[in-house]
Amino acid sequence: MRTPLPVDDLPAGCGISAAEFAALTCYCNASDNGPDDERRARLLGFGNGVKVAPGAIIRIGDNEIGENSFIGLYAYLNGDVRIGRNVLIGPHCSLPAGNHRFDPETQAFTRRDLARPITVGDGTWLGSGCTVTNGVAVGRCNLVCANAVITRDTPDYAIMAGTPARQIGRIDPETGDYIWFDRKTEESR
């Protein structure tokens, strides 16, 4: 393990001491573990076994993350987002429930559109870098492959991949086995 180097050149007026800065830096960058992830969740108002990894930005309502769910490193949840129980959200996932509209008067995307809720069903795993767009309901027990962009509602037990995401398989709810659609074609790519 690396030995932290001393930091004694903080800008004047930053509001914290060098020791506090060092502790905060270690906590934010080297504390991705169960107890610290639970502490972060409690500080943000979430209990019931919820865990929040370092760098996650969560701007949603109270009690909108179900028990035993995990929010990964640098994930972004904003607006009317509801996370079910036992959900895994990987690092760098983005779930923005808001939207912007083009304003012909200003010729820019300045107007706020009506936000539409995002719902992630119980037991779902959003792989690293996924985006779920506003107004989408991700079904129960979905596996959403890394970097997928979910633009439409998904059925329960779906395996989703791509941009925009499409269903490439399903999960057998009795055995947990993955059943791939057109697997022969998928393997040849």
C-alpha atoms as a PDB file:
ATOM      1  CA  MET A   1       0.000   0.000   0.000  1.00  0.00           C
ATOM      2  CA  ARG A   2       1.225   3.494  -0.822  1.00  0.00           C
ATOM      3  CA  THR A   3       2.178   5.814   2.004  1.00  0.00           C
ATOM      4  CA  PRO A   4       0.268   9.105   1.813  1.00  0.00           C
ATOM      5  CA  LEU A   5       2.462  12.140   1.233  1.00  0.00           C
ATOM      6  CA  PRO A   6       1.987  15.163   3.492  1.00  0.00           C
ATOM      7  CA  VAL A   7      -0.122  18.000   2.159  1.00  0.00           C
ATOM      8  CA  ASP A   8       0.624  21.349   3.708  1.00  0.00           C
ATOM      9  CA  ASP A   9      -0.027  23.750   0.852  1.00  0.00           C
ATOM     10  CA  LEU A  10      -3.817  24.074   0.951  1.00  0.00           C
ATOM     11  CA  PRO A  11      -5.115  27.385  -0.358  1.00  0.00           C
ATOM     12  CA  ALA A  12      -6.019  29.923   2.302  1.00  0.00           C
ATOM     13  CA  GLY A  13      -9.701  30.036   3.106  1.00  0.00           C
ATOM     14  CA  CYS A  14     -10.575  26.511   1.940  1.00  0.00           C
ATOM     15  CA  GLY A  15     -12.187  25.878   5.316  1.00  0.00           C
ATOM     16  CA  ILE A  16     -10.433  22.689   6.374  1.00  0.00           C
ATOM     17  CA  SER A  17      -7.035  21.834   7.775  1.00  0.00           C
ATOM     18  CA  ALA A  18      -4.398  19.801   5.922  1.00  0.00           C
ATOM     19  CA  ALA A  19      -5.126  16.856   8.224  1.00  0.00           C
ATOM     20  CA  GLU A  20      -8.879  17.106   7.518  1.00  0.00           C
ATOM     21  CA  PHE A  21      -8.163  17.336   3.791  1.00  0.00           C
ATOM     22  CA  ALA A  22      -5.952  14.224   3.983  1.00  0.00           C
ATOM     23  CA  ALA A  23      -8.610  12.294   5.927  1.00  0.00           C
ATOM     24  CA  LEU A  24     -11.350  13.340   3.495  1.00  0.00           C
ATOM     25  CA  THR A  25      -9.214  12.393   0.490  1.00  0.00           C
ATOM     26  CA  CYS A  26      -8.492   8.939   1.925  1.00  0.00           C
ATOM     27  CA  TYR A  27     -12.147   8.461   2.830  1.00  0.00           C
ATOM     28  CA  CYS A  28     -13.322   9.399  -0.656  1.00  0.00           C
ATOM     29  CA  ASN A  29     -10.675   7.446  -2.555  1.00  0.00           C
ATOM     30  CA  ALA A  30      -9.609   4.515  -0.417  1.00  0.00           C
ATOM     31  CA  SER A  31     -12.728   3.615   1.522  1.00  0.00           C
ATOM     32  CA  ASP A  32     -14.746   1.502  -0.897  1.00  0.00           C
ATOM     33  CA  ASN A  33     -15.696  -1.165   1.639  1.00  0.00           C
ATOM     34  CA  GLY A  34     -18.903  -2.368   3.270  1.00  0.00           C
ATOM     35  CA  PRO A  35     -18.785  -0.430   6.556  1.00  0.00           C
ATOM     36  CA  ASP A  36     -17.778   2.867   4.918  1.00  0.00           C
ATOM     37  CA  ASP A  37     -20.335   2.373   2.123  1.00  0.00           C
ATOM     38  CA  GLU A  38     -23.055   1.882   4.769  1.00  0.00           C
ATOM     39  CA  ARG A  39     -21.876   4.991   6.673  1.00  0.00           C
ATOM     40  CA  ARG A  40     -22.081   7.034   3.470  1.00  0.00           C
ATOM     41  CA  ALA A  41     -25.637   5.769   2.867  1.00  0.00           C
ATOM     42  CA  ARG A  42     -26.697   6.665   6.427  1.00  0.00           C
ATOM     43  CA  LEU A  43     -25.185  10.155   6.080  1.00  0.00           C
ATOM     44  CA  LEU A  44     -27.346  10.594   2.975  1.00  0.00           C
ATOM     45  CA  GLY A  45     -30.445   9.386   4.822  1.00  0.00           C
ATOM     46  CA  PHE A  46     -30.634   5.800   3.546  1.00  0.00           C
ATOM     47  CA  GLY A  47     -30.648   2.797   5.877  1.00  0.00           C
ATOM     48  CA  ASN A  48     -31.783  -0.826   5.669  1.00  0.00           C
ATOM     49  CA  GLY A  49     -28.494  -2.196   4.369  1.00  0.00           C
ATOM     50  CA  VAL A  50     -28.133   0.359   1.548  1.00  0.00           C
ATOM     51  CA  LYS A  51     -24.508   0.956   0.552  1.00  0.00           C
ATOM     52  CA  VAL A  52     -23.129   3.974  -1.336  1.00  0.00           C
ATOM     53  CA  ALA A  53     -19.625   3.865  -2.821  1.00  0.00           C
ATOM     54  CA  PRO A  54     -17.318   6.908  -2.930  1.00  0.00           C
ATOM     55  CA  GLY A  55     -18.116   9.660  -5.409  1.00  0.00           C
ATOM     56  CA  ALA A  56     -21.765   8.739  -5.967  1.00  0.00           C
ATOM     57  CA  ILE A  57     -24.103  11.713  -6.410  1.00  0.00           C
ATOM     58  CA  ILE A  58     -27.620  10.962  -5.152  1.00  0.00           C
ATOM     59  CA  ARG A  59     -30.246  13.700  -5.475  1.00  0.00           C
ATOM     60  CA  ILE A  60     -33.496  11.799  -5.034  1.00  0.00           C
ATOM     61  CA  GLY A  61     -36.336  11.677  -2.523  1.00  0.00           C
ATOM     62  CA  ASP A  62     -36.271  10.042   0.871  1.00  0.00           C
ATOM     63  CA  ASN A  63     -36.612   6.268   1.105  1.00  0.00           C
ATOM     64  CA  GLU A  64     -36.371   5.822  -2.653  1.00  0.00           C
ATOM     65  CA  ILE A  65     -33.637   3.192  -2.434  1.00  0.00           C
ATOM     66  CA  GLY A  66     -34.811  -0.257  -1.371  1.00  0.00           C
ATOM     67  CA  GLU A  67     -33.121  -2.358   1.276  1.00  0.00           C
ATOM     68  CA  ASN A  68     -29.783  -4.037   0.580  1.00  0.00           C
ATOM     69  CA  SER A  69     -29.172  -2.054  -2.613  1.00  0.00           C
ATOM     70  CA  PHE A  70     -25.734  -0.814  -3.674  1.00  0.00           C
ATOM     71  CA  ILE A  71     -24.903   2.420  -5.517  1.00  0.00           C
ATOM     72  CA  GLY A  72     -21.486   2.157  -7.205  1.00  0.00           C
ATOM     73  CA  LEU A  73     -18.500   4.448  -7.546  1.00  0.00           C
ATOM     74  CA  TYR A  74     -19.324   7.783  -9.189  1.00  0.00           C
ATOM     75  CA  ALA A  75     -22.906   6.805 -10.018  1.00  0.00           C
ATOM     76  CA  TYR A  76     -25.351   9.676 -10.645  1.00  0.00           C
ATOM     77  CA  LEU A  77     -29.008   9.496  -9.564  1.00  0.00           C
ATOM     78  CA  ASN A  78     -31.032  12.685  -9.978  1.00  0.00           C
ATOM     79  CA  GLY A  79     -34.724  13.513  -9.721  1.00  0.00           C
ATOM     80  CA  ASP A  80     -37.631  11.111  -9.377  1.00  0.00           C
ATOM     81  CA  VAL A  81     -35.594   7.882  -9.267  1.00  0.00           C
ATOM     82  CA  ARG A  82     -36.871   4.820  -7.406  1.00  0.00           C
ATOM     83  CA  ILE A  83     -34.542   1.907  -6.768  1.00  0.00           C
ATOM     84  CA  GLY A  84     -35.965  -1.467  -5.706  1.00  0.00           C
ATOM     85  CA  ARG A  85     -34.596  -3.937  -3.162  1.00  0.00           C
ATOM     86  CA  ASN A  86     -31.343  -5.864  -3.710  1.00  0.00           C
ATOM     87  CA  VAL A  87     -30.336  -3.721  -6.696  1.00  0.00           C
ATOM     88  CA  LEU A  88     -26.701  -3.372  -7.791  1.00  0.00           C
ATOM     89  CA  ILE A  89     -25.817  -0.161  -9.613  1.00  0.00           C
ATOM     90  CA  GLY A  90     -22.301  -0.342 -11.022  1.00  0.00           C
ATOM     91  CA  PRO A  91     -19.711   2.407 -11.239  1.00  0.00           C
ATOM     92  CA  HIS A  92     -20.326   5.434 -13.455  1.00  0.00           C
ATOM     93  CA  CYS A  93     -24.018   4.658 -14.054  1.00  0.00           C
ATOM     94  CA  SER A  94     -26.293   7.605 -14.788  1.00  0.00           C
ATOM     95  CA  LEU A  95     -30.008   7.770 -13.940  1.00  0.00           C
ATOM     96  CA  PRO A  96     -31.195  11.340 -14.672  1.00  0.00           C
ATOM     97  CA  ALA A  97     -34.983  11.633 -14.390  1.00  0.00           C
ATOM     98  CA  GLY A  98     -35.051  15.218 -15.742  1.00  0.00           C
ATOM     99  CA  ASN A  99     -34.769  16.461 -19.292  1.00  0.00           C
ATOM    100  CA  HIS A 100     -34.276  19.672 -21.276  1.00  0.00           C
ATOM    101  CA  ARG A 101     -36.271  20.933 -24.230  1.00  0.00           C
ATOM    102  CA  PHE A 102     -35.212  23.004 -27.160  1.00  0.00           C
ATOM    103  CA  ASP A 103     -36.439  26.588 -26.921  1.00  0.00           C
ATOM    104  CA  PRO A 104     -37.030  28.085 -30.391  1.00  0.00           C
ATOM    105  CA  GLU A 105     -36.910  31.579 -28.897  1.00  0.00           C
ATOM    106  CA  THR A 106     -33.355  31.239 -27.560  1.00  0.00           C
ATOM    107  CA  GLN A 107     -32.231  28.550 -30.030  1.00  0.00           C
ATOM    108  CA  ALA A 108     -30.837  26.525 -27.124  1.00  0.00           C
ATOM    109  CA  PHE A 109     -31.808  23.714 -24.790  1.00  0.00           C
ATOM    110  CA  THR A 110     -32.778  25.985 -21.944  1.00  0.00           C
ATOM    111  CA  ARG A 111     -36.279  24.914 -20.998  1.00  0.00           C
ATOM    112  CA  ARG A 112     -36.826  22.236 -18.400  1.00  0.00           C
ATOM    113  CA  ASP A 113     -39.113  19.469 -19.554  1.00  0.00           C
ATOM    114  CA  LEU A 114     -41.435  17.664 -17.221  1.00  0.00           C
ATOM    115  CA  ALA A 115     -39.410  15.087 -15.368  1.00  0.00           C
ATOM    116  CA  ARG A 116     -40.601  11.527 -15.713  1.00  0.00           C
ATOM    117  CA  PRO A 117     -39.722   8.933 -13.076  1.00  0.00           C
ATOM    118  CA  ILE A 118     -37.132   6.210 -13.457  1.00  0.00           C
ATOM    119  CA  THR A 119     -37.849   2.906 -11.708  1.00  0.00           C
ATOM    120  CA  VAL A 120     -35.385   0.055 -11.259  1.00  0.00           C
ATOM    121  CA  GLY A 121     -37.013  -3.238 -10.262  1.00  0.00           C
ATOM    122  CA  ASP A 122     -35.978  -5.486  -7.388  1.00  0.00           C
ATOM    123  CA  GLY A 123     -32.932  -7.672  -7.929  1.00  0.00           C
ATOM    124  CA  THR A 124     -31.617  -5.818 -10.990  1.00  0.00           C
ATOM    125  CA  TRP A 125     -27.922  -5.329 -11.785  1.00  0.00           C
ATOM    126  CA  LEU A 126     -26.911  -2.285 -13.836  1.00  0.00           C
ATOM    127  CA  GLY A 127     -23.383  -2.958 -15.089  1.00  0.00           C
ATOM    128  CA  SER A 128     -20.659  -0.330 -15.222  1.00  0.00           C
ATOM    129  CA  GLY A 129     -21.397   2.817 -17.220  1.00  0.00           C
ATOM    130  CA  CYS A 130     -25.119   2.185 -17.865  1.00  0.00           C
ATOM    131  CA  THR A 131     -27.535   5.022 -18.512  1.00  0.00           C
ATOM    132  CA  VAL A 132     -31.260   4.796 -17.819  1.00  0.00           C
ATOM    133  CA  THR A 133     -33.175   7.646 -19.454  1.00  0.00           C
ATOM    134  CA  ASN A 134     -36.096   9.486 -17.886  1.00  0.00           C
ATOM    135  CA  GLY A 135     -39.485   7.817 -17.893  1.00  0.00           C
ATOM    136  CA  VAL A 136     -38.081   4.272 -18.071  1.00  0.00           C
ATOM    137  CA  ALA A 137     -39.066   1.337 -15.867  1.00  0.00           C
ATOM    138  CA  VAL A 138     -36.388  -1.358 -15.687  1.00  0.00           C
ATOM    139  CA  GLY A 139     -38.043  -4.683 -14.861  1.00  0.00           C
ATOM    140  CA  ARG A 140     -37.323  -7.001 -11.943  1.00  0.00           C
ATOM    141  CA  CYS A 141     -34.145  -9.063 -11.950  1.00  0.00           C
ATOM    142  CA  ASN A 142     -32.669  -7.556 -15.105  1.00  0.00           C
ATOM    143  CA  LEU A 143     -29.015  -7.868 -16.072  1.00  0.00           C
ATOM    144  CA  VAL A 144     -28.076  -4.663 -17.899  1.00  0.00           C
ATOM    145  CA  CYS A 145     -24.688  -5.124 -19.543  1.00  0.00           C
ATOM    146  CA  ALA A 146     -21.912  -2.538 -19.217  1.00  0.00           C
ATOM    147  CA  ASN A 147     -22.393   0.763 -21.064  1.00  0.00           C
ATOM    148  CA  ALA A 148     -25.949  -0.050 -22.160  1.00  0.00           C
ATOM    149  CA  VAL A 149     -28.378   2.836 -22.620  1.00  0.00           C
ATOM    150  CA  ILE A 150     -31.908   1.933 -21.569  1.00  0.00           C
ATOM    151  CA  THR A 151     -34.414   4.122 -23.443  1.00  0.00           C
ATOM    152  CA  ARG A 152     -37.544   1.961 -23.081  1.00  0.00           C
ATOM    153  CA  ASP A 153     -39.199  -0.124 -20.376  1.00  0.00           C
ATOM    154  CA  THR A 154     -37.757  -3.620 -19.995  1.00  0.00           C
ATOM    155  CA  PRO A 155     -39.513  -6.884 -19.084  1.00  0.00           C
ATOM    156  CA  ASP A 156     -38.706  -8.844 -15.923  1.00  0.00           C
ATOM    157  CA  TYR A 157     -35.683 -11.207 -16.084  1.00  0.00           C
ATOM    158  CA  ALA A 158     -34.288  -9.548 -19.228  1.00  0.00           C
ATOM    159  CA  ILE A 159     -30.648  -9.381 -20.274  1.00  0.00           C
ATOM    160  CA  MET A 160     -30.170  -6.023 -21.993  1.00  0.00           C
ATOM    161  CA  ALA A 161     -27.178  -4.706 -23.952  1.00  0.00           C
ATOM    162  CA  GLY A 162     -26.225  -2.011 -26.451  1.00  0.00           C
ATOM    163  CA  THR A 163     -26.977   1.583 -27.308  1.00  0.00           C
ATOM    164  CA  PRO A 164     -29.892   1.867 -27.412  1.00  0.00           C
ATOM    165  CA  ALA A 165     -30.279  -1.319 -25.397  1.00  0.00           C
ATOM    166  CA  ARG A 166     -32.092  -4.304 -26.776  1.00  0.00           C
ATOM    167  CA  GLN A 167     -32.921  -7.595 -25.127  1.00  0.00           C
ATOM    168  CA  ILE A 168     -30.253 -10.195 -25.948  1.00  0.00           C
ATOM    169  CA  GLY A 169     -31.397 -12.873 -23.514  1.00  0.00           C
ATOM    170  CA  ARG A 170     -33.318 -13.668 -20.399  1.00  0.00           C
ATOM    171  CA  ILE A 171     -32.691 -15.118 -16.964  1.00  0.00           C
ATOM    172  CA  ASP A 172     -34.488 -18.301 -15.953  1.00  0.00           C
ATOM    173  CA  PRO A 173     -36.150 -17.321 -12.648  1.00  0.00           C
ATOM    174  CA  GLU A 174     -36.119 -20.954 -11.435  1.00  0.00           C
ATOM    175  CA  THR A 175     -32.439 -21.799 -12.078  1.00  0.00           C
ATOM    176  CA  GLY A 176     -30.733 -18.426 -12.531  1.00  0.00           C
ATOM    177  CA  ASP A 177     -29.340 -19.614 -15.878  1.00  0.00           C
ATOM    178  CA  TYR A 178     -28.806 -17.101 -18.670  1.00  0.00           C
ATOM    179  CA  ILE A 179     -30.675 -17.957 -21.846  1.00  0.00           C
ATOM    180  CA  TRP A 180     -29.141 -16.114 -24.790  1.00  0.00           C
ATOM    181  CA  PHE A 181     -31.096 -15.162 -27.879  1.00  0.00           C
ATOM    182  CA  ASP A 182     -29.274 -16.007 -31.109  1.00  0.00           C
ATOM    183  CA  ARG A 183     -26.127 -16.921 -29.153  1.00  0.00           C
ATOM    184  CA  LYS A 184     -24.431 -18.414 -32.211  1.00  0.00           C
ATOM    185  CA  THR A 185     -24.619 -15.050 -33.999  1.00  0.00           C
ATOM    186  CA  GLU A 186     -23.524 -13.168 -30.882  1.00  0.00           C
ATOM    187  CA  GLU A 187     -20.389 -15.346 -30.435  1.00  0.00           C
ATOM    188  CA  SER A 188     -19.299 -14.888 -34.050  1.00  0.00           C
ATOM    189  CA  ARG A 189     -19.086 -11.102 -33.736  1.00  0.00           C
END
